Structure formats: structure tokens, C-alpha cells
């Protein structure tokens, strides 16, 4: 198996993944709320696991926040 490094200078983007603490802080929510939303199916960015821990793509979180703002403004 070959692992390819995706150099941000080549791809043109820096990928940032948030852990549950980062996501909770960014949304102003508790970690417990994030886990509850995840388990009860609340509309939120879909997380993924890396090494057994849940992560969220910053880009997906940003898009979700923008969608929440647009819903509220409508």
C-alpha cells in the first residue's frame, strides 16, 4: 500500500479536521451536546472516524453554519 501526501502547496487547500472539543468550542456548545446531536440524528455535519476518534471536516462545518444562517434569514 502506498500513502500519498497531499501537499497543500500542490492541492491548493489546507485540510483541517476538528475534534469534538474544537467543534464544541466553535459552535459554542458543550461536548455532551455534540455527542447527543450525533447520536439522535440532529441535522449537523457528518463526522468520520480516524483512529477510533470522531473528527469533522472544517469545510463541512463551515458549509453547515452557512446553511443554518441562510435558514434563519429566510
PDB file of N, CA and C in Angstrom:
ATOM      1  N   UNK A   1       0.849  -1.182   0.000  1.00  0.00           N
ATOM      2  CA  UNK A   1       0.000   0.000   0.000  1.00  0.00           C
ATOM      3  C   UNK A   1       0.889   1.237   0.000  1.00  0.00           C
ATOM      4  N   UNK A   2       0.527   2.200  -0.799  1.00  0.00           N
ATOM      5  CA  UNK A   2       1.259   3.456  -0.881  1.00  0.00           C
ATOM      6  C   UNK A   2       0.426   4.565  -0.266  1.00  0.00           C
ATOM      7  N   UNK A   3       1.052   5.359   0.566  1.00  0.00           N
ATOM      8  CA  UNK A   3       0.384   6.515   1.151  1.00  0.00           C
ATOM      9  C   UNK A   3       0.927   7.749   0.458  1.00  0.00           C
ATOM     10  N   UNK A   4       0.029   8.525  -0.115  1.00  0.00           N
ATOM     11  CA  UNK A   4       0.426   9.726  -0.835  1.00  0.00           C
ATOM     12  C   UNK A   4       0.160  10.946   0.031  1.00  0.00           C
ATOM     13  N   UNK A   5       1.155  11.803   0.129  1.00  0.00           N
ATOM     14  CA  UNK A   5       0.988  13.040   0.884  1.00  0.00           C
ATOM     15  C   UNK A   5       0.347  14.079  -0.022  1.00  0.00           C
ATOM     16  N   UNK A   6      -0.697  14.711   0.459  1.00  0.00           N
ATOM     17  CA  UNK A   6      -1.342  15.777  -0.296  1.00  0.00           C
ATOM     18  C   UNK A   6      -0.826  17.112   0.217  1.00  0.00           C
ATOM     19  N   UNK A   7       0.201  17.583  -0.425  1.00  0.00           N
ATOM     20  CA  UNK A   7       0.836  18.840  -0.043  1.00  0.00           C
ATOM     21  C   UNK A   7      -0.107  19.998  -0.352  1.00  0.00           C
ATOM     22  N   UNK A   8      -0.450  20.821   0.656  1.00  0.00           N
ATOM     23  CA  UNK A   8      -1.340  21.959   0.414  1.00  0.00           C
ATOM     24  C   UNK A   8      -0.840  22.888  -0.686  1.00  0.00           C
ATOM     25  N   UNK A   9       0.470  22.976  -0.871  1.00  0.00           N
ATOM     26  CA  UNK A   9       1.018  23.832  -1.923  1.00  0.00           C
ATOM     27  C   UNK A   9       0.636  23.293  -3.299  1.00  0.00           C
ATOM     28  N   UNK A  10       0.477  21.976  -3.402  1.00  0.00           N
ATOM     29  CA  UNK A  10       0.114  21.347  -4.666  1.00  0.00           C
ATOM     30  C   UNK A  10      -1.400  21.325  -4.850  1.00  0.00           C
ATOM     31  N   UNK A  11      -2.130  20.960  -3.812  1.00  0.00           N
ATOM     32  CA  UNK A  11      -3.586  20.830  -3.921  1.00  0.00           C
ATOM     33  C   UNK A  11      -4.305  22.167  -3.839  1.00  0.00           C
ATOM     34  N   UNK A  12      -3.652  23.172  -3.295  1.00  0.00           N
ATOM     35  CA  UNK A  12      -4.262  24.488  -3.186  1.00  0.00           C
ATOM     36  C   UNK A  12      -5.168  24.656  -1.982  1.00  0.00           C
ATOM     37  N   UNK A  13      -5.182  23.677  -1.095  1.00  0.00           N
ATOM     38  CA  UNK A  13      -6.008  23.820   0.106  1.00  0.00           C
ATOM     39  C   UNK A  13      -5.375  23.099   1.280  1.00  0.00           C
ATOM     40  N   UNK A  14      -5.668  23.623   2.419  1.00  0.00           N
ATOM     41  CA  UNK A  14      -5.214  23.031   3.680  1.00  0.00           C
ATOM     42  C   UNK A  14      -6.424  22.359   4.308  1.00  0.00           C
ATOM     43  N   UNK A  15      -6.367  21.072   4.508  1.00  0.00           N
ATOM     44  CA  UNK A  15      -7.486  20.353   5.123  1.00  0.00           C
ATOM     45  C   UNK A  15      -7.326  20.413   6.630  1.00  0.00           C
ATOM     46  N   UNK A  16      -8.382  20.848   7.308  1.00  0.00           N
ATOM     47  CA  UNK A  16      -8.362  20.901   8.768  1.00  0.00           C
ATOM     48  C   UNK A  16      -9.518  20.073   9.281  1.00  0.00           C
ATOM     49  N   UNK A  17      -9.199  19.164  10.171  1.00  0.00           N
ATOM     50  CA  UNK A  17     -10.216  18.336  10.802  1.00  0.00           C
ATOM     51  C   UNK A  17     -10.334  18.724  12.263  1.00  0.00           C
ATOM     52  N   UNK A  18     -11.564  18.829  12.736  1.00  0.00           N
ATOM     53  CA  UNK A  18     -11.841  19.236  14.107  1.00  0.00           C
ATOM     54  C   UNK A  18     -12.146  18.020  14.965  1.00  0.00           C
ATOM     55  N   UNK A  19     -11.663  18.027  16.200  1.00  0.00           N
ATOM     56  CA  UNK A  19     -12.107  17.007  17.144  1.00  0.00           C
ATOM     57  C   UNK A  19     -13.340  17.551  17.856  1.00  0.00           C
ATOM     58  N   UNK A  20     -13.918  16.750  18.736  1.00  0.00           N
ATOM     59  CA  UNK A  20     -15.176  17.147  19.375  1.00  0.00           C
ATOM     60  C   UNK A  20     -15.012  18.419  20.209  1.00  0.00           C
ATOM     61  N   UNK A  21     -13.862  18.586  20.836  1.00  0.00           N
ATOM     62  CA  UNK A  21     -13.629  19.804  21.624  1.00  0.00           C
ATOM     63  C   UNK A  21     -13.561  21.041  20.736  1.00  0.00           C
ATOM     64  N   UNK A  22     -12.877  20.913  19.588  1.00  0.00           N
ATOM     65  CA  UNK A  22     -12.794  22.027  18.636  1.00  0.00           C
ATOM     66  C   UNK A  22     -14.183  22.397  18.117  1.00  0.00           C
ATOM     67  N   UNK A  23     -14.960  21.369  17.742  1.00  0.00           N
ATOM     68  CA  UNK A  23     -16.292  21.620  17.198  1.00  0.00           C
ATOM     69  C   UNK A  23     -17.194  22.269  18.239  1.00  0.00           C
ATOM     70  N   UNK A  24     -17.164  21.746  19.448  1.00  0.00           N
ATOM     71  CA  UNK A  24     -17.987  22.313  20.524  1.00  0.00           C
ATOM     72  C   UNK A  24     -17.624  23.777  20.768  1.00  0.00           C
ATOM     73  N   UNK A  25     -16.339  24.079  20.807  1.00  0.00           N
ATOM     74  CA  UNK A  25     -15.899  25.458  21.031  1.00  0.00           C
ATOM     75  C   UNK A  25     -16.332  26.365  19.886  1.00  0.00           C
ATOM     76  N   UNK A  26     -16.198  25.873  18.662  1.00  0.00           N
ATOM     77  CA  UNK A  26     -16.560  26.689  17.506  1.00  0.00           C
ATOM     78  C   UNK A  26     -18.057  26.988  17.484  1.00  0.00           C
ATOM     79  N   UNK A  27     -18.876  26.030  17.912  1.00  0.00           N
ATOM     80  CA  UNK A  27     -20.326  26.220  17.893  1.00  0.00           C
ATOM     81  C   UNK A  27     -20.867  26.824  19.180  1.00  0.00           C
ATOM     82  N   UNK A  28     -20.016  26.926  20.197  1.00  0.00           N
ATOM     83  CA  UNK A  28     -20.467  27.448  21.480  1.00  0.00           C
ATOM     84  C   UNK A  28     -21.392  26.481  22.202  1.00  0.00           C
ATOM     85  N   UNK A  29     -21.166  25.198  21.989  1.00  0.00           N
ATOM     86  CA  UNK A  29     -21.974  24.131  22.591  1.00  0.00           C
ATOM     87  C   UNK A  29     -21.085  23.290  23.497  1.00  0.00           C
ATOM     88  N   UNK A  30     -21.717  22.481  24.324  1.00  0.00           N
ATOM     89  CA  UNK A  30     -20.937  21.557  25.147  1.00  0.00           C
ATOM     90  C   UNK A  30     -20.584  20.317  24.327  1.00  0.00           C
ATOM     91  N   UNK A  31     -19.553  19.622  24.761  1.00  0.00           N
ATOM     92  CA  UNK A  31     -19.163  18.364  24.127  1.00  0.00           C
ATOM     93  C   UNK A  31     -20.324  17.371  24.217  1.00  0.00           C
ATOM     94  N   UNK A  32     -21.014  17.354  25.355  1.00  0.00           N
ATOM     95  CA  UNK A  32     -22.156  16.445  25.527  1.00  0.00           C
ATOM     96  C   UNK A  32     -23.242  16.719  24.485  1.00  0.00           C
ATOM     97  N   UNK A  33     -23.480  17.983  24.175  1.00  0.00           N
ATOM     98  CA  UNK A  33     -24.480  18.329  23.160  1.00  0.00           C
ATOM     99  C   UNK A  33     -24.067  17.804  21.796  1.00  0.00           C
ATOM    100  N   UNK A  34     -22.802  17.958  21.453  1.00  0.00           N
ATOM    101  CA  UNK A  34     -22.314  17.453  20.163  1.00  0.00           C
ATOM    102  C   UNK A  34     -22.544  15.950  20.074  1.00  0.00           C
ATOM    103  N   UNK A  35     -22.160  15.209  21.106  1.00  0.00           N
ATOM    104  CA  UNK A  35     -22.358  13.758  21.095  1.00  0.00           C
ATOM    105  C   UNK A  35     -23.846  13.399  21.069  1.00  0.00           C
ATOM    106  N   UNK A  36     -24.690  14.144  21.778  1.00  0.00           N
ATOM    107  CA  UNK A  36     -26.127  13.876  21.773  1.00  0.00           C
ATOM    108  C   UNK A  36     -26.695  14.119  20.377  1.00  0.00           C
ATOM    109  N   UNK A  37     -26.327  15.239  19.756  1.00  0.00           N
ATOM    110  CA  UNK A  37     -26.790  15.517  18.400  1.00  0.00           C
ATOM    111  C   UNK A  37     -26.374  14.401  17.453  1.00  0.00           C
ATOM    112  N   UNK A  38     -25.137  13.947  17.598  1.00  0.00           N
ATOM    113  CA  UNK A  38     -24.619  12.888  16.731  1.00  0.00           C
ATOM    114  C   UNK A  38     -25.421  11.599  16.903  1.00  0.00           C
ATOM    115  N   UNK A  39     -25.766  11.265  18.138  1.00  0.00           N
ATOM    116  CA  UNK A  39     -26.468  10.003  18.382  1.00  0.00           C
ATOM    117  C   UNK A  39     -27.961  10.075  18.072  1.00  0.00           C
ATOM    118  N   UNK A  40     -28.582  11.248  18.229  1.00  0.00           N
ATOM    119  CA  UNK A  40     -30.031  11.313  17.991  1.00  0.00           C
ATOM    120  C   UNK A  40     -30.403  11.755  16.576  1.00  0.00           C
ATOM    121  N   UNK A  41     -29.403  11.957  15.726  1.00  0.00           N
ATOM    122  CA  UNK A  41     -29.669  12.269  14.324  1.00  0.00           C
ATOM    123  C   UNK A  41     -29.982  13.723  14.032  1.00  0.00           C
ATOM    124  N   UNK A  42     -29.660  14.617  14.961  1.00  0.00           N
ATOM    125  CA  UNK A  42     -29.861  16.047  14.722  1.00  0.00           C
ATOM    126  C   UNK A  42     -29.075  16.471  13.483  1.00  0.00           C
ATOM    127  N   UNK A  43     -29.679  17.352  12.686  1.00  0.00           N
ATOM    128  CA  UNK A  43     -29.009  17.857  11.487  1.00  0.00           C
ATOM    129  C   UNK A  43     -27.727  18.576  11.889  1.00  0.00           C
ATOM    130  N   UNK A  44     -26.621  17.990  11.521  1.00  0.00           N
ATOM    131  CA  UNK A  44     -25.304  18.573  11.787  1.00  0.00           C
ATOM    132  C   UNK A  44     -24.318  17.960  10.811  1.00  0.00           C
ATOM    133  N   UNK A  45     -23.129  18.540  10.677  1.00  0.00           N
ATOM    134  CA  UNK A  45     -22.146  17.949   9.774  1.00  0.00           C
ATOM    135  C   UNK A  45     -21.857  16.503  10.175  1.00  0.00           C
ATOM    136  N   UNK A  46     -21.718  15.647   9.174  1.00  0.00           N
ATOM    137  CA  UNK A  46     -21.423  14.244   9.427  1.00  0.00           C
ATOM    138  C   UNK A  46     -19.964  14.109   9.838  1.00  0.00           C
ATOM    139  N   UNK A  47     -19.745  13.432  10.937  1.00  0.00           N
ATOM    140  CA  UNK A  47     -18.389  13.165  11.393  1.00  0.00           C
ATOM    141  C   UNK A  47     -17.848  11.892  10.771  1.00  0.00           C
ATOM    142  N   UNK A  48     -16.583  11.678  10.944  1.00  0.00           N
ATOM    143  CA  UNK A  48     -15.934  10.458  10.466  1.00  0.00           C
ATOM    144  C   UNK A  48     -14.886  10.065  11.491  1.00  0.00           C
ATOM    145  N   UNK A  49     -14.488   8.807  11.470  1.00  0.00           N
ATOM    146  CA  UNK A  49     -13.528   8.338  12.463  1.00  0.00           C
ATOM    147  C   UNK A  49     -12.131   8.216  11.871  1.00  0.00           C
ATOM    148  N   UNK A  50     -11.180   8.666  12.650  1.00  0.00           N
ATOM    149  CA  UNK A  50      -9.763   8.466  12.362  1.00  0.00           C
ATOM    150  C   UNK A  50      -9.164   7.919  13.646  1.00  0.00           C
ATOM    151  N   UNK A  51      -8.617   6.731  13.580  1.00  0.00           N
ATOM    152  CA  UNK A  51      -8.004   6.137  14.766  1.00  0.00           C
ATOM    153  C   UNK A  51      -8.982   5.955  15.915  1.00  0.00           C
ATOM    154  N   UNK A  52     -10.239   5.662  15.594  1.00  0.00           N
ATOM    155  CA  UNK A  52     -11.237   5.434  16.623  1.00  0.00           C
ATOM    156  C   UNK A  52     -11.843   6.692  17.222  1.00  0.00           C
ATOM    157  N   UNK A  53     -11.404   7.841  16.767  1.00  0.00           N
ATOM    158  CA  UNK A  53     -11.939   9.105  17.293  1.00  0.00           C
ATOM    159  C   UNK A  53     -12.695   9.843  16.192  1.00  0.00           C
ATOM    160  N   UNK A  54     -13.762  10.503  16.581  1.00  0.00           N
ATOM    161  CA  UNK A  54     -14.597  11.220  15.612  1.00  0.00           C
ATOM    162  C   UNK A  54     -13.962  12.565  15.284  1.00  0.00           C
ATOM    163  N   UNK A  55     -13.986  12.891  14.003  1.00  0.00           N
ATOM    164  CA  UNK A  55     -13.489  14.173  13.505  1.00  0.00           C
ATOM    165  C   UNK A  55     -14.536  14.764  12.570  1.00  0.00           C
ATOM    166  N   UNK A  56     -14.480  16.067  12.398  1.00  0.00           N
ATOM    167  CA  UNK A  56     -15.353  16.767  11.466  1.00  0.00           C
ATOM    168  C   UNK A  56     -14.477  17.623  10.567  1.00  0.00           C
ATOM    169  N   UNK A  57     -14.780  17.633   9.271  1.00  0.00           N
ATOM    170  CA  UNK A  57     -14.039  18.466   8.321  1.00  0.00           C
ATOM    171  C   UNK A  57     -14.453  19.923   8.518  1.00  0.00           C
ATOM    172  N   UNK A  58     -13.481  20.797   8.690  1.00  0.00           N
ATOM    173  CA  UNK A  58     -13.767  22.225   8.888  1.00  0.00           C
ATOM    174  C   UNK A  58     -14.612  22.765   7.748  1.00  0.00           C
ATOM    175  N   UNK A  59     -14.307  22.355   6.538  1.00  0.00           N
ATOM    176  CA  UNK A  59     -15.054  22.830   5.370  1.00  0.00           C
ATOM    177  C   UNK A  59     -16.536  22.446   5.481  1.00  0.00           C
ATOM    178  N   UNK A  60     -16.830  21.218   5.915  1.00  0.00           N
ATOM    179  CA  UNK A  60     -18.221  20.775   6.081  1.00  0.00           C
ATOM    180  C   UNK A  60     -18.913  21.563   7.189  1.00  0.00           C
ATOM    181  N   UNK A  61     -18.190  21.835   8.257  1.00  0.00           N
ATOM    182  CA  UNK A  61     -18.748  22.619   9.366  1.00  0.00           C
ATOM    183  C   UNK A  61     -19.070  24.036   8.890  1.00  0.00           C
ATOM    184  N   UNK A  62     -18.156  24.637   8.145  1.00  0.00           N
ATOM    185  CA  UNK A  62     -18.386  25.994   7.629  1.00  0.00           C
ATOM    186  C   UNK A  62     -19.622  26.043   6.731  1.00  0.00           C
ATOM    187  N   UNK A  63     -19.770  25.050   5.852  1.00  0.00           N
ATOM    188  CA  UNK A  63     -20.935  24.998   4.965  1.00  0.00           C
ATOM    189  C   UNK A  63     -22.223  24.813   5.761  1.00  0.00           C
ATOM    190  N   UNK A  64     -22.178  23.971   6.794  1.00  0.00           N
ATOM    191  CA  UNK A  64     -23.351  23.739   7.638  1.00  0.00           C
ATOM    192  C   UNK A  64     -23.749  25.025   8.372  1.00  0.00           C
ATOM    193  N   UNK A  65     -22.764  25.736   8.909  1.00  0.00           N
ATOM    194  CA  UNK A  65     -23.048  27.003   9.597  1.00  0.00           C
ATOM    195  C   UNK A  65     -23.685  27.995   8.623  1.00  0.00           C
ATOM    196  N   UNK A  66     -23.128  28.098   7.411  1.00  0.00           N
ATOM    197  CA  UNK A  66     -23.703  28.995   6.398  1.00  0.00           C
ATOM    198  C   UNK A  66     -25.156  28.621   6.097  1.00  0.00           C
ATOM    199  N   UNK A  67     -25.442  27.320   6.018  1.00  0.00           N
ATOM    200  CA  UNK A  67     -26.808  26.859   5.750  1.00  0.00           C
ATOM    201  C   UNK A  67     -27.743  27.214   6.907  1.00  0.00           C
ATOM    202  N   UNK A  68     -27.251  27.125   8.137  1.00  0.00           N
ATOM    203  CA  UNK A  68     -28.076  27.486   9.299  1.00  0.00           C
ATOM    204  C   UNK A  68     -28.392  28.975   9.288  1.00  0.00           C
ATOM    205  N   UNK A  69     -27.412  29.780   8.917  1.00  0.00           N
ATOM    206  CA  UNK A  69     -27.615  31.230   8.832  1.00  0.00           C
ATOM    207  C   UNK A  69     -28.646  31.549   7.751  1.00  0.00           C
ATOM    208  N   UNK A  70     -28.529  30.876   6.593  1.00  0.00           N
ATOM    209  CA  UNK A  70     -29.468  31.109   5.495  1.00  0.00           C
ATOM    210  C   UNK A  70     -30.883  30.695   5.888  1.00  0.00           C
ATOM    211  N   UNK A  71     -31.029  29.568   6.601  1.00  0.00           N
ATOM    212  CA  UNK A  71     -32.354  29.117   7.059  1.00  0.00           C
ATOM    213  C   UNK A  71     -32.977  30.136   7.998  1.00  0.00           C
ATOM    214  N   UNK A  72     -32.157  30.652   8.888  1.00  0.00           N
ATOM    215  CA  UNK A  72     -32.644  31.609   9.881  1.00  0.00           C
ATOM    216  C   UNK A  72     -33.062  32.923   9.227  1.00  0.00           C
ATOM    217  N   UNK A  73     -32.354  33.299   8.153  1.00  0.00           N
ATOM    218  CA  UNK A  73     -32.632  34.561   7.476  1.00  0.00           C
ATOM    219  C   UNK A  73     -33.867  34.475   6.578  1.00  0.00           C
ATOM    220  N   UNK A  74     -34.251  33.262   6.217  1.00  0.00           N
ATOM    221  CA  UNK A  74     -35.387  33.079   5.284  1.00  0.00           C
ATOM    222  C   UNK A  74     -36.729  33.308   5.942  1.00  0.00           C
TER     223      UNK A  74
END
